[in-house]
Structures are given as C-alpha cells and as structure tokens.
C-alpha cells in the first residue's frame, strides 16, 4: 500500500557522485631516454593497430571491486556511457574502479600497468582524505598517480593512488601487470578508487569501445574494445549494483559510502536498521528490506518504489526495539532491488546484538 508502519523507520536519499572528472595530468618530470630504447618503445604501435590493455587492478569486478563510473560520451552538458546509460558524470574521461569500504583500501589492492611502456611522470605524497571530510578542495585533483607512455601517442594515467604506494619512477620501463601502486583516496576523491584513463595523442579514449570519448553510444552490442581477452571476460556492462550495506542502531546521518560498517549493534533496546548504498537505481525500481533474527524469523520487512534513483543511491529501513528488547544473537539483513520481473541487485549483511 506504500503506507509506513507506525513502528518502522524508512527513508531513501539520492546522493551526488564523487566529483572525479577530467583529472589533472600529473606534472612532467624530465627523463632522458637513450635513442635506441626510445625508437623501440615508440614503434610498439607503428602498424597502426590499436593496442590492447589489461585490467589495471588486482581485483575481481563484482566481488572485491566495482566499476562505478564510465567514460562520458555526451559532448554536451548531459551524460551518457558507452551503452547509452547514465553510469557516468558530465565530462568524465576515464573509468572509476572502486573498492567497497575503507577497510578494503587498508588491506591494499594493487594497481597494475595495463600495458608495457615507459613511466613518464609520477606523483606521491598527497594524503588519503575524502572530499567529504576536507576543509578545503584538494590542490592536486588527480592525487597521487602515474602516467605511462605506450608508444605511437598512446598513454595511460592512474590517479588517486595511496600515499607512499607509488612503486615506479620516471624513465623506468614497466611490463603489463607490474605493480605500480595501490588504490587510494588521494586528490579529488570521495571513495577509495582508481581513476584509469587512456589517451591517444592527448584525446581521451573509451577502453570499452576503442573510440573517442565524444563518440556516440550504442544501446546494445559491444565489442571488447581495447581490453585484452582476459580483461573482457570480467568486464560485462553492469549498470546496477550494491556497493555496501550494513545493520545499524541509528539512522545514518549521511550516506556511509566508503566507511567501515560495524557488525556490532548498540544493544537490545536500540532500533534495528538496514541501510544500503547502491549505484544505478532507476525511478520505478522496487526495493525490499528484510531483517531476520537469531531464530531466522523475519523481524522487519518493508518494500517501496524508488523515486529518482541515480548514479549513487542511499536508502534505509528499520524498526524500533520491541517491548523487552531484541533477542541477543546474530541478525541478517537482505536488500533486493527489482526492475520489472528481474532482480538487478541484492546484498546480504550480518550484525550482532549482545
């Protein structure tokens, strides 16, 4: 019926996405190349064939990491990803490969060279601070990063790396798959992620299509683009996913993207709330919240229709403690997002009441 039970707590909230767009090019640090080596490097793509790039993070997409933003193909003020969807922001010139939580960032996820090449420039020393916690804008938009030259005008940039993690230096030759740093939160970043950009003769290129960023999109049917076959296997188009979820004892004051959900709840007399941070929810999607108690019986459930949706979507639902309090033990929260007859995203999370 859409009516909220008097004992329930429920809300949805749209959020803006991380303002990571058109990351600044890391300043040049002069390097000296021997002529034979330079000639060999720049002959890599002399045939005119487009190069292939490996996935630049040591993670599994959809499991330990997610692709939250793609290259913007709309040359105007709007936004459109390569499949004519909205998994991007205006002017975004790369792809954002994000981790789910700060704990994942601290665990360390390696950023890898996407192709053999020569390190042109690097930056390190910028702090890992979310823009939501800064008192002033970041001076270096790209944060810590690396730029690699792959010859024939092709180069890649890896931005927002962890401070102190940059493992290469200008003038160093690297092989595809070699570790060059760790995913971080430096620069103009809201959550732990790598902003990965490919350029050809200075023009942004979408690795999913192999074409320029201002080229038109295609609603269906896509080749492997510039990805290697191994990378393409895990890089299907996923416009909707749950980033993180948690059980809490208080209504979150703001979206908790990138923070560390605690499995421990405040106590037996506190409210029990299931929150979720998702990407790609659409207006009209149906979402359901359910919390099961220690005996696996459902202690709270609620359904609603998404109004608005967007690149980042935050929602929660919960219930106040019953007379006598909640039974001690393990609780399981389940969130399901449906689009028509299909489940497009779901997530389970656990919590403990002592």
Protein backbone atom coordinates (compact mmCIF):
# COMPACT_ATOMS: atom_id res chain seq x y z
CA UNK A 1 0.00 0.00 0.00
CA UNK A 2 3.03 2.25 0.42
CA UNK A 3 1.94 3.20 3.95
CA UNK A 4 4.73 3.20 6.52
CA UNK A 5 4.07 1.24 9.71
CA UNK A 6 3.99 3.43 12.81
CA UNK A 7 6.77 1.37 14.37
CA UNK A 8 9.01 1.48 11.32
CA UNK A 9 11.78 3.75 10.13
CA UNK A 10 12.22 4.23 6.42
CA UNK A 11 13.92 6.68 4.10
CA UNK A 12 15.62 6.97 0.77
CA UNK A 13 18.12 9.55 -0.31
CA UNK A 14 19.85 10.38 -3.54
CA UNK A 15 23.47 11.37 -3.44
CA UNK A 16 25.81 13.17 -5.73
CA UNK A 17 28.68 11.16 -7.14
CA UNK A 18 32.32 11.72 -6.38
CA UNK A 19 33.49 14.81 -8.25
CA UNK A 20 36.18 12.87 -10.09
CA UNK A 21 36.23 14.24 -13.61
CA UNK A 22 38.90 15.36 -16.04
CA UNK A 23 41.63 14.51 -13.54
CA UNK A 24 44.63 16.81 -13.87
CA UNK A 25 47.57 15.48 -15.81
CA UNK A 26 50.42 14.75 -13.44
CA UNK A 27 53.22 17.30 -13.97
CA UNK A 28 56.11 16.21 -16.17
CA UNK A 29 59.31 15.07 -14.52
CA UNK A 30 62.14 15.21 -17.06
CA UNK A 31 63.57 11.89 -18.21
CA UNK A 32 66.44 11.04 -20.50
CA UNK A 33 65.96 8.20 -22.99
CA UNK A 34 68.65 6.52 -24.99
CA UNK A 35 67.82 6.83 -28.71
CA UNK A 36 67.67 3.06 -29.44
CA UNK A 37 65.34 2.43 -26.49
CA UNK A 38 63.08 5.34 -27.41
CA UNK A 39 62.82 4.15 -31.00
CA UNK A 40 61.93 0.63 -29.87
CA UNK A 41 59.28 1.88 -27.45
CA UNK A 42 57.57 4.23 -29.88
CA UNK A 43 57.50 1.54 -32.56
CA UNK A 44 55.11 -0.58 -30.45
CA UNK A 45 52.06 0.51 -32.43
CA UNK A 46 53.77 1.56 -35.65
CA UNK A 47 51.49 -0.75 -37.61
CA UNK A 48 48.56 1.50 -36.73
CA UNK A 49 46.70 -1.29 -34.93
CA UNK A 50 45.03 -0.32 -31.68
CA UNK A 51 46.82 -1.67 -28.60
CA UNK A 52 45.15 -3.96 -26.05
CA UNK A 53 45.09 -3.09 -22.34
CA UNK A 54 44.88 -5.42 -19.35
CA UNK A 55 42.60 -4.65 -16.42
CA UNK A 56 44.63 -2.27 -14.20
CA UNK A 57 43.65 -3.54 -10.71
CA UNK A 58 44.29 -6.87 -8.98
CA UNK A 59 40.64 -7.44 -8.02
CA UNK A 60 37.52 -9.28 -9.19
CA UNK A 61 34.88 -6.98 -10.64
CA UNK A 62 31.55 -7.51 -8.92
CA UNK A 63 33.22 -9.10 -5.90
CA UNK A 64 36.11 -7.18 -4.35
CA UNK A 65 35.73 -4.14 -6.62
CA UNK A 66 33.16 -2.39 -8.81
CA UNK A 67 33.22 -0.10 -11.83
CA UNK A 68 31.09 2.82 -10.69
CA UNK A 69 31.72 5.35 -13.45
CA UNK A 70 32.46 5.05 -17.16
CA UNK A 71 33.60 7.49 -19.84
CA UNK A 72 31.07 10.19 -20.75
CA UNK A 73 30.08 10.03 -24.44
CA UNK A 74 27.76 13.06 -24.41
CA UNK A 75 29.65 16.06 -25.86
CA UNK A 76 27.14 18.47 -24.32
CA UNK A 77 26.12 19.17 -20.74
CA UNK A 78 24.36 15.80 -20.37
CA UNK A 79 25.89 12.42 -19.63
CA UNK A 80 25.88 9.07 -21.40
CA UNK A 81 28.05 5.99 -21.01
CA UNK A 82 29.04 3.77 -23.95
CA UNK A 83 25.78 1.78 -23.68
CA UNK A 84 23.63 4.94 -23.65
CA UNK A 85 23.12 4.57 -19.90
CA UNK A 86 23.93 7.03 -17.13
CA UNK A 87 26.80 5.29 -15.35
CA UNK A 88 28.99 8.39 -15.66
CA UNK A 89 29.12 12.12 -14.95
CA UNK A 90 29.42 15.05 -17.33
CA UNK A 91 32.91 15.22 -18.80
CA UNK A 92 34.23 12.07 -17.09
CA UNK A 93 37.25 10.99 -19.14
CA UNK A 94 38.08 7.58 -17.66
CA UNK A 95 36.68 4.71 -15.64
CA UNK A 96 36.45 4.60 -11.84
CA UNK A 97 37.32 1.22 -10.32
CA UNK A 98 36.24 1.45 -6.70
CA UNK A 99 36.56 -0.56 -3.52
CA UNK A 100 33.57 -1.10 -1.25
CA UNK A 101 34.99 0.18 2.06
CA UNK A 102 37.93 1.91 3.69
CA UNK A 103 38.89 -1.43 5.22
CA UNK A 104 39.39 -2.77 1.70
CA UNK A 105 41.67 0.16 0.92
CA UNK A 106 43.76 -0.51 4.01
CA UNK A 107 44.04 -4.18 3.01
CA UNK A 108 45.79 -2.98 -0.15
CA UNK A 109 44.65 -3.58 -3.73
CA UNK A 110 47.43 -3.35 -6.31
CA UNK A 111 47.20 -1.03 -9.29
CA UNK A 112 48.87 -2.65 -12.30
CA UNK A 113 50.37 -1.33 -15.53
CA UNK A 114 47.76 -2.01 -18.20
CA UNK A 115 50.39 -2.47 -20.95
CA UNK A 116 54.14 -2.49 -21.43
CA UNK A 117 55.53 1.02 -21.51
CA UNK A 118 57.74 3.74 -20.14
CA UNK A 119 56.88 5.67 -16.98
CA UNK A 120 56.69 9.33 -17.94
CA UNK A 121 55.74 11.00 -14.69
CA UNK A 122 54.64 10.25 -11.16
CA UNK A 123 53.31 11.99 -8.09
CA UNK A 124 53.26 10.80 -4.46
CA UNK A 125 52.83 12.35 -1.03
CA UNK A 126 49.22 13.56 -1.29
CA UNK A 127 47.08 12.49 1.72
CA UNK A 128 44.25 9.97 1.50
CA UNK A 129 41.30 12.14 2.56
CA UNK A 130 37.75 12.01 1.20
CA UNK A 131 36.41 15.26 -0.23
CA UNK A 132 33.51 14.88 2.21
CA UNK A 133 35.98 15.37 5.08
CA UNK A 134 38.22 18.07 3.61
CA UNK A 135 38.03 21.63 4.87
CA UNK A 136 39.37 22.90 1.52
CA UNK A 137 39.46 21.47 -2.03
CA UNK A 138 42.37 19.21 -2.94
CA UNK A 139 45.23 21.11 -4.59
CA UNK A 140 46.07 18.15 -6.84
CA UNK A 141 42.86 16.86 -8.42
CA UNK A 142 44.37 13.54 -9.56
CA UNK A 143 46.11 12.99 -6.24
CA UNK A 144 48.98 10.54 -6.33
CA UNK A 145 49.41 8.89 -9.70
CA UNK A 146 51.40 7.52 -12.59
CA UNK A 147 51.44 8.24 -16.33
CA UNK A 148 52.82 5.57 -18.69
CA UNK A 149 53.73 6.02 -22.37
CA UNK A 150 52.93 3.04 -24.60
CA UNK A 151 54.22 4.43 -27.88
CA UNK A 152 52.59 5.86 -31.00
CA UNK A 153 50.79 8.51 -28.95
CA UNK A 154 49.11 6.09 -26.53
CA UNK A 155 49.35 6.68 -22.77
CA UNK A 156 47.55 5.68 -19.61
CA UNK A 157 47.05 7.58 -16.36
CA UNK A 158 46.39 6.03 -12.93
CA UNK A 159 45.03 8.53 -10.38
CA UNK A 160 44.09 8.71 -6.66
CA UNK A 161 46.74 6.19 -5.53
CA UNK A 162 47.55 5.68 -1.85
CA UNK A 163 50.16 7.96 -0.39
CA UNK A 164 53.52 6.22 -0.24
CA UNK A 165 52.45 3.41 -2.56
CA UNK A 166 53.86 4.60 -5.90
CA UNK A 167 56.37 1.90 -6.79
CA UNK A 168 57.82 3.21 -10.08
CA UNK A 169 59.86 6.21 -11.18
CA UNK A 170 60.08 8.34 -14.34
CA UNK A 171 62.22 6.69 -17.00
CA UNK A 172 61.50 3.18 -15.73
CA UNK A 173 60.27 0.58 -18.19
CA UNK A 174 57.34 -1.50 -16.90
CA UNK A 175 55.63 -4.63 -18.12
CA UNK A 176 51.88 -5.22 -18.33
CA UNK A 177 50.66 -6.49 -14.97
CA UNK A 178 53.53 -4.96 -13.00
CA UNK A 179 52.51 -3.30 -9.74
CA UNK A 180 52.80 0.47 -9.86
CA UNK A 181 50.88 1.43 -6.71
CA UNK A 182 47.78 0.82 -4.55
CA UNK A 183 44.20 2.06 -4.82
CA UNK A 184 43.81 5.09 -2.57
CA UNK A 185 41.75 8.15 -1.72
CA UNK A 186 44.09 10.99 -2.64
CA UNK A 187 43.13 14.08 -4.58
CA UNK A 188 39.58 14.94 -5.58
CA UNK A 189 38.09 11.62 -4.45
CA UNK A 190 35.05 10.72 -2.34
CA UNK A 191 35.70 6.98 -2.01
CA UNK A 192 38.68 4.61 -2.49
CA UNK A 193 39.10 4.08 -6.22
CA UNK A 194 41.37 4.19 -9.22
CA UNK A 195 40.57 6.68 -11.97
CA UNK A 196 42.00 4.94 -15.06
CA UNK A 197 42.27 6.98 -18.25
CA UNK A 198 43.54 6.11 -21.73
CA UNK A 199 44.60 8.85 -24.14
CA UNK A 200 45.73 8.75 -27.77
CA UNK A 201 47.61 11.83 -28.91
CA UNK A 202 46.06 13.68 -25.98
CA UNK A 203 42.46 12.69 -26.72
CA UNK A 204 40.50 10.62 -24.14
CA UNK A 205 39.65 7.14 -25.40
CA UNK A 206 36.98 4.80 -24.01
CA UNK A 207 38.57 1.36 -23.47
CA UNK A 208 35.14 -0.29 -23.81
CA UNK A 209 34.75 0.92 -27.40
CA UNK A 210 38.22 1.92 -28.57
CA UNK A 211 36.76 5.21 -29.73
CA UNK A 212 36.96 8.82 -28.67
CA UNK A 213 35.10 9.89 -25.56
CA UNK A 214 32.83 12.20 -27.59
CA UNK A 215 31.71 9.43 -29.94
CA UNK A 216 28.09 8.26 -29.95
CA UNK A 217 26.93 5.44 -27.70
CA UNK A 218 25.39 2.09 -28.67
CA UNK A 219 22.39 0.79 -26.73
CA UNK A 220 23.26 -2.85 -27.37
CA UNK A 221 26.06 -4.98 -28.72
CA UNK A 222 29.61 -4.06 -27.85
CA UNK A 223 32.98 -5.49 -28.81
CA UNK A 224 35.82 -6.00 -26.36
CA UNK A 225 37.07 -2.52 -27.22
CA UNK A 226 40.69 -2.08 -26.19
CA UNK A 227 40.63 -4.72 -23.44
CA UNK A 228 42.65 -7.90 -23.61
CA UNK A 229 40.53 -11.08 -23.87
CA UNK A 230 41.26 -11.88 -20.21
CA UNK A 231 40.08 -8.43 -19.10
CA UNK A 232 36.99 -8.53 -21.30
CA UNK A 233 35.83 -11.73 -19.62
CA UNK A 234 35.11 -9.95 -16.34
CA UNK A 235 34.03 -6.60 -17.74
CA UNK A 236 30.43 -7.00 -18.87
CA UNK A 237 28.19 -3.95 -18.61
CA UNK A 238 26.86 -3.79 -15.03
CA UNK A 239 24.80 -0.61 -14.61
CA UNK A 240 23.32 -1.52 -11.22
CA UNK A 241 24.93 -2.99 -8.10
CA UNK A 242 25.04 -2.75 -4.33
CA UNK A 243 28.25 -1.11 -3.18
CA UNK A 244 27.91 -1.75 0.55
CA UNK A 245 25.25 -2.37 3.17
CA UNK A 246 25.06 -2.73 6.93
CA UNK A 247 22.91 -3.16 10.01
CA UNK A 248 22.93 -0.18 12.36
CA UNK A 249 21.34 1.01 15.60
CA UNK A 250 20.74 4.58 14.46
CA UNK A 251 19.53 6.21 11.29
CA UNK A 252 22.70 7.21 9.38
CA UNK A 253 23.14 10.97 9.34
CA UNK A 254 24.54 10.77 5.81
CA UNK A 255 25.50 8.22 3.20
CA UNK A 256 28.21 5.93 4.50
CA UNK A 257 29.89 5.08 1.22
CA UNK A 258 33.47 4.04 1.81
CA UNK A 259 33.15 3.77 5.57
CA UNK A 260 33.54 0.58 7.58
CA UNK A 261 30.21 -0.94 8.63
CA UNK A 262 30.43 -2.37 12.15
CA UNK A 263 28.86 -5.80 12.72
CA UNK A 264 28.14 -4.90 16.36
CA UNK A 265 24.88 -3.15 17.20
CA UNK A 266 24.26 -0.82 20.13
CA UNK A 267 22.15 -3.18 22.21
CA UNK A 268 18.83 -4.91 22.74
CA UNK A 269 16.85 -1.71 23.26
CA UNK A 270 18.18 0.21 20.25
CA UNK A 271 16.47 0.38 16.84
CA UNK A 272 17.48 -2.13 14.17
CA UNK A 273 18.14 -0.55 10.77
CA UNK A 274 19.26 -1.96 7.42
CA UNK A 275 21.00 0.57 5.16
CA UNK A 276 22.27 0.18 1.61
CA UNK A 277 24.46 2.20 -0.72
CA UNK A 278 23.83 1.24 -4.36
CA UNK A 279 24.64 2.52 -7.83
CA UNK A 280 22.41 2.73 -10.87
CA UNK A 281 18.97 2.54 -9.23
CA UNK A 282 16.23 3.83 -11.53
CA UNK A 283 12.96 5.55 -10.84
CA UNK A 284 10.26 2.89 -10.63
CA UNK A 285 12.56 0.13 -9.37
CA UNK A 286 11.12 -1.79 -6.42
CA UNK A 287 13.30 -2.29 -3.35
CA UNK A 288 12.74 -4.59 -0.41
CA UNK A 289 14.36 -4.64 3.03
CA UNK A 290 14.19 -7.68 5.32
CA UNK A 291 15.89 -8.44 8.65
CA UNK A 292 15.94 -11.94 10.14
CA UNK A 293 16.56 -12.59 13.85
CA UNK A 294 18.65 -15.24 15.62
CA UNK A 295 15.95 -17.87 15.02
CA UNK A 296 15.90 -16.85 11.29
CA UNK A 297 12.38 -15.48 11.67
CA UNK A 298 11.71 -12.16 9.94
CA UNK A 299 11.62 -9.32 12.48
CA UNK A 300 11.24 -6.49 9.96
CA UNK A 301 10.36 -6.18 6.28
CA UNK A 302 9.38 -3.29 4.07
CA UNK A 303 9.00 -2.58 0.36
CA UNK A 304 8.98 0.68 -1.56
CA UNK A 305 9.34 2.14 -5.04
CA UNK A 306 12.49 4.08 -5.95
CA UNK A 307 11.73 7.69 -6.77
CA UNK A 308 14.55 9.26 -8.73
CA UNK A 309 17.44 6.84 -8.43
CA UNK A 310 20.76 7.88 -9.89
CA UNK A 311 24.43 7.09 -10.10
CA UNK A 312 24.55 6.72 -6.34
CA UNK A 313 21.51 5.74 -4.27
CA UNK A 314 21.32 5.51 -0.48
CA UNK A 315 18.35 4.03 1.38
CA UNK A 316 17.48 2.52 4.75
CA UNK A 317 14.61 0.88 6.60
CA UNK A 318 14.25 -0.32 10.17
CA UNK A 319 12.22 -0.79 13.29
CA UNK A 320 12.32 0.28 16.91
CA UNK A 321 13.04 -2.33 19.55
CA UNK A 322 10.01 -4.32 20.76
CA UNK A 323 8.98 -4.37 24.46
CA UNK A 324 11.64 -6.32 26.28
CA UNK A 325 14.23 -5.62 23.60
CA UNK A 326 15.66 -7.67 20.76
CA UNK A 327 16.86 -11.21 21.47
CA UNK A 328 20.64 -11.42 21.66
CA UNK A 329 22.38 -13.11 18.74
CA UNK A 330 23.14 -12.81 15.03
CA UNK A 331 20.88 -10.87 12.66
CA UNK A 332 20.88 -10.99 8.86
CA UNK A 333 19.74 -8.14 6.63
CA UNK A 334 18.82 -8.65 2.99
CA UNK A 335 18.28 -5.93 0.38
CA UNK A 336 16.80 -6.72 -3.05
CA UNK A 337 16.34 -4.27 -5.95
CA UNK A 338 13.97 -5.32 -8.74
CA UNK A 339 13.42 -3.83 -12.18
CA UNK A 340 10.29 -5.29 -13.68
CA UNK A 341 10.42 -9.06 -13.11
CA UNK A 342 14.22 -9.11 -12.70
CA UNK A 343 16.42 -8.81 -9.64
CA UNK A 344 19.10 -6.30 -10.66
CA UNK A 345 20.93 -6.09 -7.32
CA UNK A 346 20.89 -7.83 -3.94
CA UNK A 347 23.07 -7.93 -0.85
CA UNK A 348 23.18 -9.77 2.49
CA UNK A 349 24.82 -8.42 5.64
CA UNK A 350 25.17 -9.62 9.23
CA UNK A 351 25.09 -7.90 12.61
CA UNK A 352 25.33 -8.92 16.27
CA UNK A 353 23.29 -7.86 19.28
CA UNK A 354 24.90 -8.85 22.57
